[in-house]
Amino acid sequence: MPSIDAPKQTAELDQLEEAKALIRERRLRGAGGTPGGVGTFFLGLLCTVVGGYLVLNQVQVSSSFSFFGLWGWNRPAGFGLTMLPLLIGIGVLFFDGKSKLGWILSVGGLLTILAAVLMSLSIQWATTSLFNTLLMFGLLAGGMGLIARSLRAYPDTE
């Protein structure tokens, strides 16, 4: 009958516990710094990207920059007046590159032009079936839910 060496078994168990602790410490952290959830995160990211692409693909963007029929006119609005501060600012900067007035006019003119372009845009949802709409928004919502779930700590498998 084999004899049981208690001190030897205790030493081996201690070594085994130390090895487990080292493995636990070296384990890669998952999504959000929590253990596990990397696969869930990437699946959620994929669903979110596909759903977002499909939703954005259904939106049609058009421009309608006009005087909105002001005084019976229905012609495009003048764009030259919005460029005036930018052009004056550029001229001042060519004369003196350190001029605060030139920089203010240039940046203000660029922001005015950007605002005019953005305000002239209008968006419309393109006609699609109910199935496609549910699929698009379902993928988007499900993907965001999976991403949020992956950021929680997963229970230890031990």
N, C-alpha and C. Protein backbone atom coordinates (compact mmCIF):
# COMPACT_ATOMS: atom_id res chain seq x y z
N MET A 1 0.83 -1.17 0.00
CA MET A 1 0.00 0.00 0.00
C MET A 1 0.88 1.24 0.00
N PRO A 2 0.58 2.23 -0.89
CA PRO A 2 1.44 3.41 -0.95
C PRO A 2 1.20 4.28 0.28
N SER A 3 2.27 4.85 0.73
CA SER A 3 2.16 5.72 1.91
C SER A 3 1.86 7.15 1.47
N ILE A 4 1.13 7.87 2.28
CA ILE A 4 0.75 9.25 1.98
C ILE A 4 1.70 10.17 2.73
N ASP A 5 2.40 10.99 1.96
CA ASP A 5 3.33 11.95 2.55
C ASP A 5 2.62 13.31 2.62
N ALA A 6 2.06 13.63 3.76
CA ALA A 6 1.25 14.84 3.93
C ALA A 6 2.05 16.12 3.66
N PRO A 7 3.26 16.27 4.18
CA PRO A 7 3.99 17.52 3.91
C PRO A 7 4.29 17.71 2.42
N LYS A 8 4.57 16.59 1.72
CA LYS A 8 4.87 16.68 0.30
C LYS A 8 3.62 17.10 -0.48
N GLN A 9 2.46 16.51 -0.11
CA GLN A 9 1.21 16.87 -0.77
C GLN A 9 0.85 18.33 -0.51
N THR A 10 1.08 18.80 0.70
CA THR A 10 0.78 20.19 1.04
C THR A 10 1.66 21.13 0.22
N ALA A 11 2.94 20.78 0.06
CA ALA A 11 3.84 21.61 -0.73
C ALA A 11 3.40 21.64 -2.20
N GLU A 12 2.99 20.48 -2.72
CA GLU A 12 2.52 20.43 -4.11
C GLU A 12 1.24 21.25 -4.30
N LEU A 13 0.33 21.18 -3.35
CA LEU A 13 -0.89 21.97 -3.42
C LEU A 13 -0.59 23.47 -3.37
N ASP A 14 0.37 23.83 -2.52
CA ASP A 14 0.77 25.24 -2.45
C ASP A 14 1.34 25.73 -3.78
N GLN A 15 2.19 24.87 -4.40
CA GLN A 15 2.76 25.23 -5.70
C GLN A 15 1.66 25.36 -6.76
N LEU A 16 0.70 24.45 -6.70
CA LEU A 16 -0.41 24.49 -7.65
C LEU A 16 -1.24 25.77 -7.47
N GLU A 17 -1.49 26.16 -6.24
CA GLU A 17 -2.24 27.40 -5.98
C GLU A 17 -1.46 28.62 -6.45
N GLU A 18 -0.15 28.61 -6.25
CA GLU A 18 0.69 29.72 -6.72
C GLU A 18 0.65 29.82 -8.24
N ALA A 19 0.69 28.67 -8.91
CA ALA A 19 0.64 28.66 -10.37
C ALA A 19 -0.71 29.19 -10.86
N LYS A 20 -1.80 28.80 -10.19
CA LYS A 20 -3.13 29.31 -10.56
C LYS A 20 -3.20 30.82 -10.37
N ALA A 21 -2.62 31.30 -9.27
CA ALA A 21 -2.65 32.75 -9.01
C ALA A 21 -1.87 33.50 -10.09
N LEU A 22 -0.72 32.94 -10.50
CA LEU A 22 0.06 33.58 -11.56
C LEU A 22 -0.72 33.60 -12.88
N ILE A 23 -1.37 32.51 -13.18
CA ILE A 23 -2.15 32.46 -14.42
C ILE A 23 -3.29 33.47 -14.36
N ARG A 24 -3.97 33.58 -13.20
CA ARG A 24 -5.06 34.53 -13.05
C ARG A 24 -4.56 35.96 -13.23
N GLU A 25 -3.38 36.26 -12.70
CA GLU A 25 -2.82 37.61 -12.83
C GLU A 25 -2.44 37.93 -14.26
N ARG A 26 -1.95 36.94 -14.99
CA ARG A 26 -1.47 37.16 -16.35
C ARG A 26 -2.60 37.10 -17.38
N ARG A 27 -3.78 36.67 -16.94
CA ARG A 27 -4.91 36.55 -17.86
C ARG A 27 -5.18 37.91 -18.51
N LEU A 28 -5.43 37.87 -19.80
CA LEU A 28 -5.73 39.11 -20.51
C LEU A 28 -7.03 39.69 -20.01
N ARG A 29 -7.02 40.99 -19.86
CA ARG A 29 -8.24 41.67 -19.46
C ARG A 29 -9.13 41.81 -20.68
N GLY A 30 -10.41 41.74 -20.45
CA GLY A 30 -11.36 41.81 -21.55
C GLY A 30 -11.78 43.23 -21.84
N ALA A 31 -12.96 43.34 -22.46
CA ALA A 31 -13.49 44.64 -22.85
C ALA A 31 -13.73 45.49 -21.60
N GLY A 32 -13.33 46.74 -21.63
CA GLY A 32 -13.54 47.65 -20.51
C GLY A 32 -12.67 47.33 -19.31
N GLY A 33 -11.64 46.50 -19.46
CA GLY A 33 -10.77 46.16 -18.36
C GLY A 33 -11.34 45.08 -17.46
N THR A 34 -12.44 44.47 -17.85
CA THR A 34 -13.06 43.42 -17.05
C THR A 34 -12.64 42.06 -17.62
N PRO A 35 -12.70 41.02 -16.81
CA PRO A 35 -12.36 39.69 -17.35
C PRO A 35 -13.46 39.19 -18.29
N GLY A 36 -13.07 38.72 -19.44
CA GLY A 36 -14.02 38.16 -20.41
C GLY A 36 -14.73 39.22 -21.22
N GLY A 37 -15.59 38.79 -22.11
CA GLY A 37 -16.43 39.71 -22.87
C GLY A 37 -15.85 40.22 -24.16
N VAL A 38 -14.68 39.77 -24.57
CA VAL A 38 -14.07 40.28 -25.80
C VAL A 38 -14.86 39.84 -27.03
N GLY A 39 -15.25 38.58 -27.06
CA GLY A 39 -16.04 38.08 -28.19
C GLY A 39 -17.39 38.78 -28.28
N THR A 40 -18.03 38.98 -27.12
CA THR A 40 -19.31 39.67 -27.09
C THR A 40 -19.16 41.11 -27.58
N PHE A 41 -18.06 41.75 -27.18
CA PHE A 41 -17.82 43.13 -27.59
C PHE A 41 -17.70 43.22 -29.12
N PHE A 42 -16.90 42.34 -29.71
CA PHE A 42 -16.70 42.42 -31.16
C PHE A 42 -17.96 42.01 -31.94
N LEU A 43 -18.74 41.07 -31.42
CA LEU A 43 -20.01 40.73 -32.05
C LEU A 43 -20.96 41.93 -31.99
N GLY A 44 -21.01 42.60 -30.84
CA GLY A 44 -21.84 43.78 -30.70
C GLY A 44 -21.38 44.91 -31.60
N LEU A 45 -20.06 45.09 -31.70
CA LEU A 45 -19.51 46.12 -32.57
C LEU A 45 -19.87 45.84 -34.03
N LEU A 46 -19.77 44.59 -34.44
CA LEU A 46 -20.13 44.22 -35.81
C LEU A 46 -21.61 44.50 -36.08
N CYS A 47 -22.49 44.08 -35.16
CA CYS A 47 -23.94 44.33 -35.34
C CYS A 47 -24.23 45.82 -35.38
N THR A 48 -23.58 46.60 -34.51
CA THR A 48 -23.81 48.04 -34.48
C THR A 48 -23.35 48.70 -35.78
N VAL A 49 -22.20 48.32 -36.28
CA VAL A 49 -21.69 48.90 -37.52
C VAL A 49 -22.59 48.54 -38.70
N VAL A 50 -22.99 47.28 -38.80
CA VAL A 50 -23.86 46.87 -39.91
C VAL A 50 -25.21 47.57 -39.81
N GLY A 51 -25.81 47.59 -38.61
CA GLY A 51 -27.09 48.26 -38.43
C GLY A 51 -26.99 49.75 -38.71
N GLY A 52 -25.95 50.39 -38.22
CA GLY A 52 -25.75 51.82 -38.47
C GLY A 52 -25.57 52.12 -39.95
N TYR A 53 -24.81 51.27 -40.63
CA TYR A 53 -24.62 51.45 -42.07
C TYR A 53 -25.95 51.34 -42.81
N LEU A 54 -26.75 50.33 -42.46
CA LEU A 54 -28.03 50.14 -43.14
C LEU A 54 -28.98 51.31 -42.87
N VAL A 55 -28.99 51.83 -41.63
CA VAL A 55 -29.85 52.97 -41.32
C VAL A 55 -29.39 54.20 -42.10
N LEU A 56 -28.09 54.49 -42.07
CA LEU A 56 -27.59 55.67 -42.77
C LEU A 56 -27.73 55.54 -44.28
N ASN A 57 -27.74 54.32 -44.78
CA ASN A 57 -27.90 54.09 -46.21
C ASN A 57 -29.31 54.43 -46.67
N GLN A 58 -30.30 54.40 -45.77
CA GLN A 58 -31.68 54.70 -46.12
C GLN A 58 -31.99 56.19 -46.06
N VAL A 59 -31.09 57.00 -45.56
CA VAL A 59 -31.34 58.43 -45.43
C VAL A 59 -30.82 59.14 -46.67
N GLN A 60 -31.69 59.96 -47.29
CA GLN A 60 -31.30 60.73 -48.46
C GLN A 60 -31.11 62.18 -48.05
N VAL A 61 -29.99 62.76 -48.43
CA VAL A 61 -29.67 64.14 -48.08
C VAL A 61 -29.74 64.99 -49.34
N SER A 62 -30.43 66.14 -49.22
CA SER A 62 -30.51 67.06 -50.36
C SER A 62 -30.30 68.47 -49.84
N SER A 63 -30.04 69.39 -50.77
CA SER A 63 -29.80 70.78 -50.40
C SER A 63 -30.92 71.64 -50.95
N SER A 64 -31.32 72.61 -50.15
CA SER A 64 -32.38 73.51 -50.59
C SER A 64 -32.09 74.92 -50.09
N PHE A 65 -31.01 75.48 -50.56
CA PHE A 65 -30.60 76.81 -50.12
C PHE A 65 -31.29 77.84 -50.98
N SER A 66 -32.34 78.49 -50.44
CA SER A 66 -33.08 79.50 -51.19
C SER A 66 -33.62 80.53 -50.22
N PHE A 67 -34.25 81.56 -50.76
CA PHE A 67 -34.86 82.59 -49.93
C PHE A 67 -36.23 82.14 -49.42
N PHE A 68 -36.61 80.91 -49.61
CA PHE A 68 -37.85 80.32 -49.14
C PHE A 68 -39.07 81.11 -49.63
N GLY A 69 -38.99 81.61 -50.85
CA GLY A 69 -40.12 82.33 -51.43
C GLY A 69 -40.34 83.70 -50.81
N LEU A 70 -39.29 84.30 -50.26
CA LEU A 70 -39.39 85.60 -49.62
C LEU A 70 -39.79 86.66 -50.65
N TRP A 71 -40.83 87.42 -50.38
CA TRP A 71 -41.38 88.46 -51.27
C TRP A 71 -41.71 87.91 -52.65
N GLY A 72 -42.13 86.64 -52.68
CA GLY A 72 -42.53 86.06 -53.95
C GLY A 72 -41.36 85.56 -54.77
N TRP A 73 -40.14 85.69 -54.26
CA TRP A 73 -38.98 85.19 -55.00
C TRP A 73 -38.82 83.72 -54.68
N ASN A 74 -38.45 82.98 -55.67
CA ASN A 74 -38.13 81.58 -55.42
C ASN A 74 -36.84 81.27 -56.17
N ARG A 75 -35.82 82.00 -55.82
CA ARG A 75 -34.53 81.83 -56.48
C ARG A 75 -33.49 81.46 -55.45
N PRO A 76 -32.38 80.89 -55.87
CA PRO A 76 -31.33 80.53 -54.92
C PRO A 76 -30.81 81.76 -54.18
N ALA A 77 -30.46 81.55 -52.92
CA ALA A 77 -29.95 82.66 -52.11
C ALA A 77 -28.52 82.99 -52.52
N GLY A 78 -28.14 84.23 -52.29
CA GLY A 78 -26.80 84.68 -52.63
C GLY A 78 -25.78 84.08 -51.68
N PHE A 79 -24.70 83.59 -52.23
CA PHE A 79 -23.65 82.98 -51.43
C PHE A 79 -22.48 83.94 -51.24
N GLY A 80 -22.38 84.93 -52.10
CA GLY A 80 -21.24 85.86 -52.07
C GLY A 80 -21.14 86.65 -50.79
N LEU A 81 -22.26 87.02 -50.21
CA LEU A 81 -22.24 87.81 -49.00
C LEU A 81 -21.66 87.03 -47.82
N THR A 82 -21.85 85.73 -47.80
CA THR A 82 -21.28 84.93 -46.71
C THR A 82 -19.77 84.79 -46.87
N MET A 83 -19.26 84.98 -48.09
CA MET A 83 -17.82 84.87 -48.32
C MET A 83 -17.07 86.17 -48.01
N LEU A 84 -17.79 87.27 -47.88
CA LEU A 84 -17.16 88.56 -47.69
C LEU A 84 -16.25 88.63 -46.46
N PRO A 85 -16.70 88.21 -45.26
CA PRO A 85 -15.79 88.26 -44.11
C PRO A 85 -14.54 87.39 -44.29
N LEU A 86 -14.72 86.22 -44.90
CA LEU A 86 -13.57 85.34 -45.14
C LEU A 86 -12.56 86.00 -46.07
N LEU A 87 -13.04 86.60 -47.16
CA LEU A 87 -12.13 87.23 -48.11
C LEU A 87 -11.42 88.44 -47.50
N ILE A 88 -12.13 89.24 -46.74
CA ILE A 88 -11.49 90.39 -46.07
C ILE A 88 -10.45 89.88 -45.06
N GLY A 89 -10.82 88.85 -44.30
CA GLY A 89 -9.88 88.27 -43.34
C GLY A 89 -8.62 87.73 -43.99
N ILE A 90 -8.78 87.06 -45.12
CA ILE A 90 -7.60 86.53 -45.85
C ILE A 90 -6.73 87.69 -46.34
N GLY A 91 -7.36 88.74 -46.84
CA GLY A 91 -6.59 89.91 -47.28
C GLY A 91 -5.81 90.54 -46.14
N VAL A 92 -6.45 90.68 -44.98
CA VAL A 92 -5.78 91.26 -43.82
C VAL A 92 -4.63 90.35 -43.37
N LEU A 93 -4.83 89.04 -43.41
CA LEU A 93 -3.77 88.11 -43.01
C LEU A 93 -2.58 88.14 -43.98
N PHE A 94 -2.84 88.36 -45.26
CA PHE A 94 -1.72 88.49 -46.20
C PHE A 94 -0.93 89.76 -45.91
N PHE A 95 -1.62 90.79 -45.45
CA PHE A 95 -0.93 92.03 -45.11
C PHE A 95 -0.16 91.88 -43.80
N ASP A 96 -0.80 91.27 -42.77
CA ASP A 96 -0.15 91.08 -41.47
C ASP A 96 -0.64 89.74 -40.90
N GLY A 97 0.21 88.74 -40.94
CA GLY A 97 -0.15 87.39 -40.51
C GLY A 97 -0.48 87.26 -39.04
N LYS A 98 -0.09 88.26 -38.22
CA LYS A 98 -0.36 88.20 -36.79
C LYS A 98 -1.59 89.01 -36.39
N SER A 99 -2.32 89.53 -37.35
CA SER A 99 -3.48 90.38 -37.08
C SER A 99 -4.62 89.58 -36.46
N LYS A 100 -5.06 89.99 -35.27
CA LYS A 100 -6.18 89.31 -34.61
C LYS A 100 -7.47 89.53 -35.40
N LEU A 101 -7.65 90.71 -35.95
CA LEU A 101 -8.84 91.01 -36.74
C LEU A 101 -8.90 90.09 -37.97
N GLY A 102 -7.75 89.87 -38.62
CA GLY A 102 -7.71 88.99 -39.79
C GLY A 102 -8.08 87.56 -39.43
N TRP A 103 -7.57 87.08 -38.30
CA TRP A 103 -7.89 85.71 -37.87
C TRP A 103 -9.35 85.60 -37.48
N ILE A 104 -9.88 86.60 -36.79
CA ILE A 104 -11.29 86.57 -36.39
C ILE A 104 -12.19 86.57 -37.62
N LEU A 105 -11.88 87.44 -38.60
CA LEU A 105 -12.70 87.48 -39.82
C LEU A 105 -12.59 86.18 -40.62
N SER A 106 -11.39 85.62 -40.71
CA SER A 106 -11.20 84.38 -41.48
C SER A 106 -11.93 83.20 -40.83
N VAL A 107 -11.72 83.02 -39.53
CA VAL A 107 -12.37 81.90 -38.85
C VAL A 107 -13.88 82.12 -38.81
N GLY A 108 -14.31 83.35 -38.53
CA GLY A 108 -15.73 83.65 -38.53
C GLY A 108 -16.37 83.43 -39.89
N GLY A 109 -15.67 83.82 -40.96
CA GLY A 109 -16.18 83.60 -42.31
C GLY A 109 -16.30 82.12 -42.63
N LEU A 110 -15.29 81.32 -42.24
CA LEU A 110 -15.36 79.88 -42.47
C LEU A 110 -16.52 79.25 -41.70
N LEU A 111 -16.70 79.68 -40.44
CA LEU A 111 -17.79 79.14 -39.65
C LEU A 111 -19.15 79.54 -40.22
N THR A 112 -19.24 80.75 -40.74
CA THR A 112 -20.49 81.20 -41.35
C THR A 112 -20.81 80.38 -42.60
N ILE A 113 -19.81 80.13 -43.42
CA ILE A 113 -20.02 79.32 -44.63
C ILE A 113 -20.42 77.89 -44.25
N LEU A 114 -19.73 77.31 -43.26
CA LEU A 114 -20.06 75.96 -42.80
C LEU A 114 -21.49 75.91 -42.26
N ALA A 115 -21.88 76.91 -41.47
CA ALA A 115 -23.24 76.95 -40.94
C ALA A 115 -24.26 77.09 -42.06
N ALA A 116 -23.97 77.91 -43.07
CA ALA A 116 -24.91 78.09 -44.20
C ALA A 116 -25.09 76.79 -44.96
N VAL A 117 -23.99 76.06 -45.17
CA VAL A 117 -24.09 74.78 -45.89
C VAL A 117 -24.89 73.78 -45.07
N LEU A 118 -24.59 73.69 -43.77
CA LEU A 118 -25.31 72.73 -42.93
C LEU A 118 -26.79 73.07 -42.81
N MET A 119 -27.11 74.36 -42.73
CA MET A 119 -28.50 74.76 -42.60
C MET A 119 -29.28 74.55 -43.89
N SER A 120 -28.60 74.45 -45.00
CA SER A 120 -29.30 74.25 -46.26
C SER A 120 -29.60 72.78 -46.54
N LEU A 121 -29.07 71.88 -45.72
CA LEU A 121 -29.30 70.46 -45.95
C LEU A 121 -30.63 70.02 -45.35
N SER A 122 -31.28 69.12 -46.05
CA SER A 122 -32.48 68.49 -45.51
C SER A 122 -32.35 66.99 -45.73
N ILE A 123 -32.91 66.23 -44.80
CA ILE A 123 -32.80 64.77 -44.92
C ILE A 123 -34.18 64.17 -45.00
N GLN A 124 -34.26 63.03 -45.69
CA GLN A 124 -35.51 62.28 -45.82
C GLN A 124 -35.20 60.81 -45.67
N TRP A 125 -36.13 60.09 -45.07
CA TRP A 125 -36.02 58.65 -44.95
C TRP A 125 -36.55 58.03 -46.23
N ALA A 126 -35.74 57.25 -46.89
CA ALA A 126 -36.16 56.59 -48.13
C ALA A 126 -37.18 55.49 -47.82
N THR A 127 -38.10 55.27 -48.72
CA THR A 127 -39.12 54.25 -48.53
C THR A 127 -38.47 52.87 -48.46
N THR A 128 -38.88 52.09 -47.47
CA THR A 128 -38.36 50.74 -47.31
C THR A 128 -39.43 49.88 -46.66
N SER A 129 -39.23 48.59 -46.64
CA SER A 129 -40.21 47.69 -46.06
C SER A 129 -40.09 47.67 -44.54
N LEU A 130 -41.14 47.20 -43.88
CA LEU A 130 -41.13 47.10 -42.42
C LEU A 130 -40.06 46.10 -41.97
N PHE A 131 -39.89 45.01 -42.71
CA PHE A 131 -38.88 44.02 -42.35
C PHE A 131 -37.49 44.64 -42.35
N ASN A 132 -37.17 45.39 -43.41
CA ASN A 132 -35.85 46.03 -43.48
C ASN A 132 -35.67 47.04 -42.35
N THR A 133 -36.72 47.79 -42.03
CA THR A 133 -36.62 48.77 -40.95
C THR A 133 -36.38 48.08 -39.61
N LEU A 134 -37.13 47.00 -39.34
CA LEU A 134 -36.93 46.26 -38.09
C LEU A 134 -35.54 45.63 -38.05
N LEU A 135 -35.08 45.11 -39.17
CA LEU A 135 -33.74 44.51 -39.23
C LEU A 135 -32.67 45.55 -38.94
N MET A 136 -32.78 46.72 -39.57
CA MET A 136 -31.77 47.77 -39.38
C MET A 136 -31.71 48.23 -37.94
N PHE A 137 -32.86 48.61 -37.40
CA PHE A 137 -32.87 49.13 -36.03
C PHE A 137 -32.65 48.03 -35.00
N GLY A 138 -33.07 46.80 -35.33
CA GLY A 138 -32.80 45.67 -34.44
C GLY A 138 -31.32 45.38 -34.32
N LEU A 139 -30.62 45.38 -35.46
CA LEU A 139 -29.17 45.18 -35.43
C LEU A 139 -28.48 46.30 -34.64
N LEU A 140 -28.91 47.52 -34.86
CA LEU A 140 -28.31 48.66 -34.17
C LEU A 140 -28.53 48.57 -32.66
N ALA A 141 -29.76 48.31 -32.24
CA ALA A 141 -30.06 48.24 -30.80
C ALA A 141 -29.42 47.00 -30.17
N GLY A 142 -29.51 45.86 -30.84
CA GLY A 142 -28.90 44.64 -30.31
C GLY A 142 -27.39 44.75 -30.18
N GLY A 143 -26.76 45.36 -31.17
CA GLY A 143 -25.31 45.54 -31.11
C GLY A 143 -24.89 46.43 -29.96
N MET A 144 -25.64 47.52 -29.76
CA MET A 144 -25.30 48.41 -28.63
C MET A 144 -25.53 47.71 -27.30
N GLY A 145 -26.56 46.86 -27.23
CA GLY A 145 -26.80 46.09 -26.01
C GLY A 145 -25.68 45.10 -25.74
N LEU A 146 -25.19 44.43 -26.77
CA LEU A 146 -24.07 43.50 -26.60
C LEU A 146 -22.79 44.22 -26.17
N ILE A 147 -22.55 45.40 -26.74
CA ILE A 147 -21.37 46.17 -26.34
C ILE A 147 -21.47 46.54 -24.86
N ALA A 148 -22.64 47.00 -24.44
CA ALA A 148 -22.83 47.37 -23.03
C ALA A 148 -22.67 46.15 -22.13
N ARG A 149 -23.19 45.01 -22.55
CA ARG A 149 -23.06 43.78 -21.76
C ARG A 149 -21.62 43.33 -21.66
N SER A 150 -20.84 43.51 -22.71
CA SER A 150 -19.45 43.05 -22.70
C SER A 150 -18.59 43.85 -21.74
N LEU A 151 -19.03 45.04 -21.38
CA LEU A 151 -18.24 45.88 -20.47
C LEU A 151 -18.42 45.50 -19.01
N ARG A 152 -19.41 44.65 -18.71
CA ARG A 152 -19.59 44.14 -17.35
C ARG A 152 -18.63 42.99 -17.12
N ALA A 153 -18.27 42.77 -15.86
CA ALA A 153 -17.38 41.65 -15.53
C ALA A 153 -18.11 40.34 -15.72
N TYR A 154 -17.47 39.39 -16.36
CA TYR A 154 -18.04 38.07 -16.54
C TYR A 154 -17.68 37.22 -15.33
N PRO A 155 -18.55 36.29 -14.92
CA PRO A 155 -18.22 35.45 -13.76
C PRO A 155 -17.04 34.53 -14.08
N ASP A 156 -16.25 34.24 -13.04
CA ASP A 156 -15.10 33.34 -13.20
C ASP A 156 -15.60 31.95 -13.53
N THR A 157 -14.90 31.23 -14.40
CA THR A 157 -15.31 29.89 -14.81
C THR A 157 -14.77 28.83 -13.87
N GLU A 158 -14.02 29.23 -12.86
CA GLU A 158 -13.42 28.24 -11.96
C GLU A 158 -14.37 27.84 -10.87
